[in-house]
Structure formats: C-alpha cells, structure tokens
Amino acid sequence: MSTQVIVYILTVLAAVVIVLTRLRLGKDHGGAGRFQVGRRLLDVHTTAGVGALVVWVLSSSRTRALRWAAPPPASSRWPCGGSSSWQGC
C-alpha cells in the first residue's frame, strides 16, 4: 500500500472521528459515557478538529504540488551518483 493511499485513509478517518464525536457528545441524554459535556466545550473541540483537518489537507496538497514541481534529485542529473565531476566514475 502506498504512502499516498494511507494519507487519504487517515484523512477520511479523522473527519469521521470529528463527526462521530460531535454526534455522540452532542446528545442531551443517552449519549456516550456518564458525563454531560457543555455545548461550548463541544463547539471548541469541533472547531479545533475541523481547523486541524483543514490545515492537514492544505499542507498535504501543497507538499504534493511542490513535490510535483520540484526538479529531479541530483543523483538523476549527474551520471556519477550526485558528483558533478567525471573523475569519480
């Protein structure tokens, strides 16, 4: 499995965790656990989770775009494994 597929799966999983946490802790009665969570705390948690997910997606797509536009590594430009002199061949 490639790294890119793993990143996509984990990104979707993070979104699912944010939504399910919101749904479970947002119930007035019969929610998860024995504790009541304040609405403001739930809003802060959801906002932080969505914000982190947005930053993750933007940085992930920016890294992918930069990697696509980057020049090839030095070892592929020089026939002697990165050395610019022909004496090392």
PDB file of N, CA and C in Angstrom:
ATOM      1  N   MET A   1       0.857  -1.174   0.000  1.00  0.00           N
ATOM      2  CA  MET A   1       0.000   0.000   0.000  1.00  0.00           C
ATOM      3  C   MET A   1       0.903   1.238   0.000  1.00  0.00           C
ATOM      4  N   SER A   2       0.634   2.179  -0.869  1.00  0.00           N
ATOM      5  CA  SER A   2       1.483   3.361  -0.977  1.00  0.00           C
ATOM      6  C   SER A   2       1.192   4.359   0.150  1.00  0.00           C
ATOM      7  N   THR A   3       2.142   5.231   0.371  1.00  0.00           N
ATOM      8  CA  THR A   3       2.010   6.244   1.413  1.00  0.00           C
ATOM      9  C   THR A   3       0.840   7.182   1.115  1.00  0.00           C
ATOM     10  N   GLN A   4       0.628   7.483  -0.148  1.00  0.00           N
ATOM     11  CA  GLN A   4      -0.448   8.394  -0.529  1.00  0.00           C
ATOM     12  C   GLN A   4      -1.822   7.808  -0.163  1.00  0.00           C
ATOM     13  N   VAL A   5      -2.007   6.535  -0.357  1.00  0.00           N
ATOM     14  CA  VAL A   5      -3.280   5.885  -0.007  1.00  0.00           C
ATOM     15  C   VAL A   5      -3.484   5.915   1.503  1.00  0.00           C
ATOM     16  N   ILE A   6      -2.421   5.675   2.253  1.00  0.00           N
ATOM     17  CA  ILE A   6      -2.517   5.708   3.713  1.00  0.00           C
ATOM     18  C   ILE A   6      -2.896   7.099   4.194  1.00  0.00           C
ATOM     19  N   VAL A   7      -2.325   8.140   3.584  1.00  0.00           N
ATOM     20  CA  VAL A   7      -2.657   9.519   3.955  1.00  0.00           C
ATOM     21  C   VAL A   7      -4.128   9.806   3.684  1.00  0.00           C
ATOM     22  N   TYR A   8      -4.643   9.368   2.545  1.00  0.00           N
ATOM     23  CA  TYR A   8      -6.059   9.581   2.229  1.00  0.00           C
ATOM     24  C   TYR A   8      -6.959   8.864   3.233  1.00  0.00           C
ATOM     25  N   ILE A   9      -6.624   7.631   3.568  1.00  0.00           N
ATOM     26  CA  ILE A   9      -7.441   6.868   4.508  1.00  0.00           C
ATOM     27  C   ILE A   9      -7.452   7.537   5.881  1.00  0.00           C
ATOM     28  N   LEU A  10      -6.282   7.972   6.354  1.00  0.00           N
ATOM     29  CA  LEU A  10      -6.211   8.612   7.665  1.00  0.00           C
ATOM     30  C   LEU A  10      -6.922   9.966   7.681  1.00  0.00           C
ATOM     31  N   THR A  11      -6.922  10.677   6.565  1.00  0.00           N
ATOM     32  CA  THR A  11      -7.633  11.954   6.484  1.00  0.00           C
ATOM     33  C   THR A  11      -9.139  11.741   6.592  1.00  0.00           C
ATOM     34  N   VAL A  12      -9.651  10.753   5.889  1.00  0.00           N
ATOM     35  CA  VAL A  12     -11.082  10.441   5.969  1.00  0.00           C
ATOM     36  C   VAL A  12     -11.432   9.958   7.372  1.00  0.00           C
ATOM     37  N   LEU A  13     -10.565   9.153   7.965  1.00  0.00           N
ATOM     38  CA  LEU A  13     -10.806   8.672   9.316  1.00  0.00           C
ATOM     39  C   LEU A  13     -10.858   9.829  10.321  1.00  0.00           C
ATOM     40  N   ALA A  14     -10.000  10.825  10.157  1.00  0.00           N
ATOM     41  CA  ALA A  14     -10.025  11.995  11.039  1.00  0.00           C
ATOM     42  C   ALA A  14     -11.356  12.737  10.918  1.00  0.00           C
ATOM     43  N   ALA A  15     -11.862  12.888   9.693  1.00  0.00           N
ATOM     44  CA  ALA A  15     -13.152  13.557   9.502  1.00  0.00           C
ATOM     45  C   ALA A  15     -14.281  12.761  10.159  1.00  0.00           C
ATOM     46  N   VAL A  16     -14.234  11.446  10.054  1.00  0.00           N
ATOM     47  CA  VAL A  16     -15.254  10.604  10.674  1.00  0.00           C
ATOM     48  C   VAL A  16     -15.206  10.738  12.193  1.00  0.00           C
ATOM     49  N   VAL A  17     -14.007  10.786  12.760  1.00  0.00           N
ATOM     50  CA  VAL A  17     -13.869  10.929  14.211  1.00  0.00           C
ATOM     51  C   VAL A  17     -14.464  12.254  14.680  1.00  0.00           C
ATOM     52  N   ILE A  18     -14.229  13.325  13.942  1.00  0.00           N
ATOM     53  CA  ILE A  18     -14.780  14.639  14.315  1.00  0.00           C
ATOM     54  C   ILE A  18     -16.301  14.593  14.306  1.00  0.00           C
ATOM     55  N   VAL A  19     -16.877  14.029  13.254  1.00  0.00           N
ATOM     56  CA  VAL A  19     -18.339  13.982  13.130  1.00  0.00           C
ATOM     57  C   VAL A  19     -18.947  13.078  14.201  1.00  0.00           C
ATOM     58  N   LEU A  20     -18.371  11.903  14.402  1.00  0.00           N
ATOM     59  CA  LEU A  20     -18.940  10.985  15.401  1.00  0.00           C
ATOM     60  C   LEU A  20     -18.812  11.530  16.816  1.00  0.00           C
ATOM     61  N   THR A  21     -17.710  12.196  17.116  1.00  0.00           N
ATOM     62  CA  THR A  21     -17.565  12.807  18.435  1.00  0.00           C
ATOM     63  C   THR A  21     -18.629  13.872  18.640  1.00  0.00           C
ATOM     64  N   ARG A  22     -18.857  14.660  17.615  1.00  0.00           N
ATOM     65  CA  ARG A  22     -19.881  15.707  17.699  1.00  0.00           C
ATOM     66  C   ARG A  22     -21.265  15.094  17.936  1.00  0.00           C
ATOM     67  N   LEU A  23     -21.563  14.036  17.214  1.00  0.00           N
ATOM     68  CA  LEU A  23     -22.874  13.410  17.343  1.00  0.00           C
ATOM     69  C   LEU A  23     -23.057  12.735  18.698  1.00  0.00           C
ATOM     70  N   ARG A  24     -22.047  12.015  19.158  1.00  0.00           N
ATOM     71  CA  ARG A  24     -22.183  11.276  20.424  1.00  0.00           C
ATOM     72  C   ARG A  24     -22.215  12.194  21.624  1.00  0.00           C
ATOM     73  N   LEU A  25     -21.347  13.200  21.657  1.00  0.00           N
ATOM     74  CA  LEU A  25     -21.295  14.076  22.821  1.00  0.00           C
ATOM     75  C   LEU A  25     -22.351  15.183  22.767  1.00  0.00           C
ATOM     76  N   GLY A  26     -22.976  15.372  21.631  1.00  0.00           N
ATOM     77  CA  GLY A  26     -23.970  16.418  21.492  1.00  0.00           C
ATOM     78  C   GLY A  26     -25.360  16.030  21.947  1.00  0.00           C
ATOM     79  N   LYS A  27     -25.562  14.761  22.255  1.00  0.00           N
ATOM     80  CA  LYS A  27     -26.885  14.315  22.704  1.00  0.00           C
ATOM     81  C   LYS A  27     -27.179  14.859  24.099  1.00  0.00           C
ATOM     82  N   ASP A  28     -28.436  15.217  24.329  1.00  0.00           N
ATOM     83  CA  ASP A  28     -28.834  15.715  25.646  1.00  0.00           C
ATOM     84  C   ASP A  28     -28.898  14.597  26.680  1.00  0.00           C
ATOM     85  N   HIS A  29     -29.370  13.441  26.258  1.00  0.00           N
ATOM     86  CA  HIS A  29     -29.440  12.298  27.174  1.00  0.00           C
ATOM     87  C   HIS A  29     -29.164  11.037  26.369  1.00  0.00           C
ATOM     88  N   GLY A  30     -28.620  10.067  27.029  1.00  0.00           N
ATOM     89  CA  GLY A  30     -28.321   8.809  26.346  1.00  0.00           C
ATOM     90  C   GLY A  30     -27.071   8.868  25.493  1.00  0.00           C
ATOM     91  N   GLY A  31     -26.241   9.848  25.731  1.00  0.00           N
ATOM     92  CA  GLY A  31     -25.007   9.984  24.962  1.00  0.00           C
ATOM     93  C   GLY A  31     -23.928   9.062  25.479  1.00  0.00           C
ATOM     94  N   ALA A  32     -22.727   9.299  25.038  1.00  0.00           N
ATOM     95  CA  ALA A  32     -21.598   8.464  25.431  1.00  0.00           C
ATOM     96  C   ALA A  32     -21.213   8.729  26.877  1.00  0.00           C
ATOM     97  N   GLY A  33     -20.989   7.673  27.616  1.00  0.00           N
ATOM     98  CA  GLY A  33     -20.491   7.800  28.978  1.00  0.00           C
ATOM     99  C   GLY A  33     -21.525   8.306  29.972  1.00  0.00           C
ATOM    100  N   ARG A  34     -21.033   8.674  31.149  1.00  0.00           N
ATOM    101  CA  ARG A  34     -21.912   9.120  32.226  1.00  0.00           C
ATOM    102  C   ARG A  34     -21.827  10.619  32.463  1.00  0.00           C
ATOM    103  N   PHE A  35     -21.028  11.309  31.698  1.00  0.00           N
ATOM    104  CA  PHE A  35     -20.793  12.735  31.934  1.00  0.00           C
ATOM    105  C   PHE A  35     -21.510  13.591  30.908  1.00  0.00           C
ATOM    106  N   GLN A  36     -21.980  14.734  31.355  1.00  0.00           N
ATOM    107  CA  GLN A  36     -22.556  15.717  30.446  1.00  0.00           C
ATOM    108  C   GLN A  36     -21.450  16.676  30.014  1.00  0.00           C
ATOM    109  N   VAL A  37     -21.386  16.944  28.754  1.00  0.00           N
ATOM    110  CA  VAL A  37     -20.371  17.851  28.218  1.00  0.00           C
ATOM    111  C   VAL A  37     -21.073  19.134  27.809  1.00  0.00           C
ATOM    112  N   GLY A  38     -20.512  20.251  28.218  1.00  0.00           N
ATOM    113  CA  GLY A  38     -21.098  21.538  27.865  1.00  0.00           C
ATOM    114  C   GLY A  38     -21.052  21.794  26.367  1.00  0.00           C
ATOM    115  N   ARG A  39     -22.031  22.533  25.899  1.00  0.00           N
ATOM    116  CA  ARG A  39     -22.136  22.830  24.480  1.00  0.00           C
ATOM    117  C   ARG A  39     -20.934  23.643  23.984  1.00  0.00           C
ATOM    118  N   ARG A  40     -20.442  24.553  24.812  1.00  0.00           N
ATOM    119  CA  ARG A  40     -19.306  25.381  24.410  1.00  0.00           C
ATOM    120  C   ARG A  40     -18.037  24.536  24.249  1.00  0.00           C
ATOM    121  N   LEU A  41     -17.822  23.599  25.166  1.00  0.00           N
ATOM    122  CA  LEU A  41     -16.663  22.709  25.060  1.00  0.00           C
ATOM    123  C   LEU A  41     -16.748  21.852  23.803  1.00  0.00           C
ATOM    124  N   LEU A  42     -17.927  21.387  23.494  1.00  0.00           N
ATOM    125  CA  LEU A  42     -18.127  20.598  22.277  1.00  0.00           C
ATOM    126  C   LEU A  42     -17.864  21.446  21.034  1.00  0.00           C
ATOM    127  N   ASP A  43     -18.294  22.702  21.050  1.00  0.00           N
ATOM    128  CA  ASP A  43     -18.029  23.599  19.920  1.00  0.00           C
ATOM    129  C   ASP A  43     -16.533  23.860  19.747  1.00  0.00           C
ATOM    130  N   VAL A  44     -15.829  24.050  20.870  1.00  0.00           N
ATOM    131  CA  VAL A  44     -14.381  24.274  20.806  1.00  0.00           C
ATOM    132  C   VAL A  44     -13.679  23.039  20.254  1.00  0.00           C
ATOM    133  N   HIS A  45     -14.094  21.868  20.715  1.00  0.00           N
ATOM    134  CA  HIS A  45     -13.498  20.618  20.247  1.00  0.00           C
ATOM    135  C   HIS A  45     -13.732  20.431  18.744  1.00  0.00           C
ATOM    136  N   THR A  46     -14.949  20.674  18.297  1.00  0.00           N
ATOM    137  CA  THR A  46     -15.273  20.518  16.877  1.00  0.00           C
ATOM    138  C   THR A  46     -14.515  21.529  16.028  1.00  0.00           C
ATOM    139  N   THR A  47     -14.455  22.782  16.493  1.00  0.00           N
ATOM    140  CA  THR A  47     -13.736  23.817  15.743  1.00  0.00           C
ATOM    141  C   THR A  47     -12.249  23.484  15.638  1.00  0.00           C
ATOM    142  N   ALA A  48     -11.659  23.036  16.739  1.00  0.00           N
ATOM    143  CA  ALA A  48     -10.237  22.676  16.711  1.00  0.00           C
ATOM    144  C   ALA A  48      -9.995  21.482  15.787  1.00  0.00           C
ATOM    145  N   GLY A  49     -10.875  20.508  15.820  1.00  0.00           N
ATOM    146  CA  GLY A  49     -10.725  19.339  14.952  1.00  0.00           C
ATOM    147  C   GLY A  49     -10.859  19.685  13.484  1.00  0.00           C
ATOM    148  N   VAL A  50     -11.850  20.496  13.154  1.00  0.00           N
ATOM    149  CA  VAL A  50     -12.036  20.905  11.758  1.00  0.00           C
ATOM    150  C   VAL A  50     -10.864  21.777  11.308  1.00  0.00           C
ATOM    151  N   GLY A  51     -10.416  22.667  12.180  1.00  0.00           N
ATOM    152  CA  GLY A  51      -9.265  23.510  11.843  1.00  0.00           C
ATOM    153  C   GLY A  51      -8.013  22.691  11.587  1.00  0.00           C
ATOM    154  N   ALA A  52      -7.757  21.705  12.442  1.00  0.00           N
ATOM    155  CA  ALA A  52      -6.596  20.833  12.254  1.00  0.00           C
ATOM    156  C   ALA A  52      -6.714  20.029  10.964  1.00  0.00           C
ATOM    157  N   LEU A  53      -7.912  19.579  10.658  1.00  0.00           N
ATOM    158  CA  LEU A  53      -8.119  18.815   9.428  1.00  0.00           C
ATOM    159  C   LEU A  53      -7.906  19.691   8.194  1.00  0.00           C
ATOM    160  N   VAL A  54      -8.367  20.928   8.230  1.00  0.00           N
ATOM    161  CA  VAL A  54      -8.164  21.847   7.102  1.00  0.00           C
ATOM    162  C   VAL A  54      -6.675  22.121   6.910  1.00  0.00           C
ATOM    163  N   VAL A  55      -5.968  22.384   8.001  1.00  0.00           N
ATOM    164  CA  VAL A  55      -4.520  22.627   7.896  1.00  0.00           C
ATOM    165  C   VAL A  55      -3.819  21.398   7.334  1.00  0.00           C
ATOM    166  N   TRP A  56      -4.215  20.212   7.787  1.00  0.00           N
ATOM    167  CA  TRP A  56      -3.621  18.973   7.305  1.00  0.00           C
ATOM    168  C   TRP A  56      -3.850  18.803   5.801  1.00  0.00           C
ATOM    169  N   VAL A  57      -5.072  19.023   5.346  1.00  0.00           N
ATOM    170  CA  VAL A  57      -5.393  18.845   3.921  1.00  0.00           C
ATOM    171  C   VAL A  57      -4.651  19.867   3.074  1.00  0.00           C
ATOM    172  N   LEU A  58      -4.627  21.122   3.521  1.00  0.00           N
ATOM    173  CA  LEU A  58      -3.924  22.149   2.749  1.00  0.00           C
ATOM    174  C   LEU A  58      -2.419  21.898   2.700  1.00  0.00           C
ATOM    175  N   SER A  59      -1.827  21.512   3.811  1.00  0.00           N
ATOM    176  CA  SER A  59      -0.390  21.254   3.810  1.00  0.00           C
ATOM    177  C   SER A  59      -0.064  20.003   3.008  1.00  0.00           C
ATOM    178  N   SER A  60      -0.944  19.026   3.059  1.00  0.00           N
ATOM    179  CA  SER A  60      -0.731  17.801   2.295  1.00  0.00           C
ATOM    180  C   SER A  60      -0.808  18.080   0.798  1.00  0.00           C
ATOM    181  N   SER A  61      -1.783  18.862   0.374  1.00  0.00           N
ATOM    182  CA  SER A  61      -1.909  19.165  -1.054  1.00  0.00           C
ATOM    183  C   SER A  61      -0.790  20.089  -1.517  1.00  0.00           C
ATOM    184  N   ARG A  62      -0.336  20.993  -0.655  1.00  0.00           N
ATOM    185  CA  ARG A  62       0.765  21.890  -1.018  1.00  0.00           C
ATOM    186  C   ARG A  62       2.062  21.104  -1.158  1.00  0.00           C
ATOM    187  N   THR A  63       2.306  20.172  -0.266  1.00  0.00           N
ATOM    188  CA  THR A  63       3.506  19.345  -0.338  1.00  0.00           C
ATOM    189  C   THR A  63       3.501  18.520  -1.612  1.00  0.00           C
ATOM    190  N   ARG A  64       2.341  17.974  -1.961  1.00  0.00           N
ATOM    191  CA  ARG A  64       2.226  17.176  -3.182  1.00  0.00           C
ATOM    192  C   ARG A  64       2.478  18.043  -4.412  1.00  0.00           C
ATOM    193  N   ALA A  65       1.962  19.275  -4.409  1.00  0.00           N
ATOM    194  CA  ALA A  65       2.167  20.172  -5.548  1.00  0.00           C
ATOM    195  C   ALA A  65       3.630  20.589  -5.648  1.00  0.00           C
ATOM    196  N   LEU A  66       4.269  20.854  -4.525  1.00  0.00           N
ATOM    197  CA  LEU A  66       5.678  21.234  -4.546  1.00  0.00           C
ATOM    198  C   LEU A  66       6.548  20.067  -5.002  1.00  0.00           C
ATOM    199  N   ARG A  67       6.211  18.864  -4.583  1.00  0.00           N
ATOM    200  CA  ARG A  67       6.972  17.698  -4.989  1.00  0.00           C
ATOM    201  C   ARG A  67       6.847  17.488  -6.500  1.00  0.00           C
ATOM    202  N   TRP A  68       5.677  17.778  -7.056  1.00  0.00           N
ATOM    203  CA  TRP A  68       5.458  17.611  -8.484  1.00  0.00           C
ATOM    204  C   TRP A  68       6.268  18.629  -9.276  1.00  0.00           C
ATOM    205  N   ALA A  69       6.397  19.863  -8.752  1.00  0.00           N
ATOM    206  CA  ALA A  69       7.078  20.927  -9.472  1.00  0.00           C
ATOM    207  C   ALA A  69       8.574  20.965  -9.203  1.00  0.00           C
ATOM    208  N   ALA A  70       9.066  20.174  -8.271  1.00  0.00           N
ATOM    209  CA  ALA A  70      10.478  20.219  -7.896  1.00  0.00           C
ATOM    210  C   ALA A  70      11.342  19.610  -9.005  1.00  0.00           C
ATOM    211  N   PRO A  71      12.570  20.087  -9.123  1.00  0.00           N
ATOM    212  CA  PRO A  71      13.477  19.486 -10.108  1.00  0.00           C
ATOM    213  C   PRO A  71      13.869  18.081  -9.672  1.00  0.00           C
ATOM    214  N   PRO A  72      14.358  17.277 -10.585  1.00  0.00           N
ATOM    215  CA  PRO A  72      14.747  15.918 -10.216  1.00  0.00           C
ATOM    216  C   PRO A  72      15.917  15.936  -9.240  1.00  0.00           C
ATOM    217  N   PRO A  73      16.086  14.889  -8.453  1.00  0.00           N
ATOM    218  CA  PRO A  73      17.186  14.853  -7.499  1.00  0.00           C
ATOM    219  C   PRO A  73      18.535  14.872  -8.207  1.00  0.00           C
ATOM    220  N   ALA A  74      19.561  15.279  -7.475  1.00  0.00           N
ATOM    221  CA  ALA A  74      20.891  15.429  -8.052  1.00  0.00           C
ATOM    222  C   ALA A  74      21.414  14.117  -8.621  1.00  0.00           C
ATOM    223  N   SER A  75      21.071  13.003  -7.995  1.00  0.00           N
ATOM    224  CA  SER A  75      21.590  11.718  -8.470  1.00  0.00           C
ATOM    225  C   SER A  75      21.084  11.363  -9.860  1.00  0.00           C
ATOM    226  N   SER A  76      19.927  11.896 -10.271  1.00  0.00           N
ATOM    227  CA  SER A  76      19.430  11.590 -11.609  1.00  0.00           C
ATOM    228  C   SER A  76      19.957  12.575 -12.650  1.00  0.00           C
ATOM    229  N   ARG A  77      20.465  13.743 -12.203  1.00  0.00           N
ATOM    230  CA  ARG A  77      21.025  14.707 -13.157  1.00  0.00           C
ATOM    231  C   ARG A  77      22.471  14.382 -13.500  1.00  0.00           C
ATOM    232  N   TRP A  78      23.193  13.808 -12.568  1.00  0.00           N
ATOM    233  CA  TRP A  78      24.609  13.526 -12.773  1.00  0.00           C
ATOM    234  C   TRP A  78      24.815  12.023 -12.859  1.00  0.00           C
ATOM    235  N   PRO A  79      25.541  11.572 -13.834  1.00  0.00           N
ATOM    236  CA  PRO A  79      25.707  10.131 -14.027  1.00  0.00           C
ATOM    237  C   PRO A  79      26.559   9.460 -12.955  1.00  0.00           C
ATOM    238  N   CYS A  80      27.234  10.218 -12.118  1.00  0.00           N
ATOM    239  CA  CYS A  80      28.135   9.616 -11.123  1.00  0.00           C
ATOM    240  C   CYS A  80      27.543   9.685  -9.723  1.00  0.00           C
ATOM    241  N   GLY A  81      26.250   9.530  -9.579  1.00  0.00           N
ATOM    242  CA  GLY A  81      25.618   9.479  -8.272  1.00  0.00           C
ATOM    243  C   GLY A  81      25.640  10.777  -7.507  1.00  0.00           C
ATOM    244  N   GLY A  82      25.490  11.907  -8.165  1.00  0.00           N
ATOM    245  CA  GLY A  82      25.429  13.187  -7.491  1.00  0.00           C
ATOM    246  C   GLY A  82      26.709  13.994  -7.594  1.00  0.00           C
ATOM    247  N   SER A  83      27.777  13.377  -8.007  1.00  0.00           N
ATOM    248  CA  SER A  83      29.046  14.110  -8.163  1.00  0.00           C
ATOM    249  C   SER A  83      29.046  14.834  -9.494  1.00  0.00           C
ATOM    250  N   SER A  84      29.477  16.112  -9.460  1.00  0.00           N
ATOM    251  CA  SER A  84      29.475  16.896 -10.705  1.00  0.00           C
ATOM    252  C   SER A  84      30.759  16.680 -11.504  1.00  0.00           C
ATOM    253  N   SER A  85      31.737  15.997 -10.956  1.00  0.00           N
ATOM    254  CA  SER A  85      32.973  15.762 -11.708  1.00  0.00           C
ATOM    255  C   SER A  85      32.927  14.387 -12.348  1.00  0.00           C
ATOM    256  N   TRP A  86      33.504  14.267 -13.505  1.00  0.00           N
ATOM    257  CA  TRP A  86      33.514  12.991 -14.212  1.00  0.00           C
ATOM    258  C   TRP A  86      34.632  12.085 -13.710  1.00  0.00           C
ATOM    259  N   GLN A  87      35.488  12.578 -12.841  1.00  0.00           N
ATOM    260  CA  GLN A  87      36.621  11.783 -12.379  1.00  0.00           C
ATOM    261  C   GLN A  87      36.178  10.669 -11.443  1.00  0.00           C
ATOM    262  N   GLY A  88      35.047  10.828 -10.777  1.00  0.00           N
ATOM    263  CA  GLY A  88      34.589   9.824  -9.801  1.00  0.00           C
ATOM    264  C   GLY A  88      33.926   8.618 -10.446  1.00  0.00           C
ATOM    265  N   CYS A  89      33.738   8.603 -11.746  1.00  0.00           N
ATOM    266  CA  CYS A  89      33.025   7.498 -12.406  1.00  0.00           C
ATOM    267  C   CYS A  89      33.864   6.259 -12.554  1.00  0.00           C
TER     268      CYS A  89
END
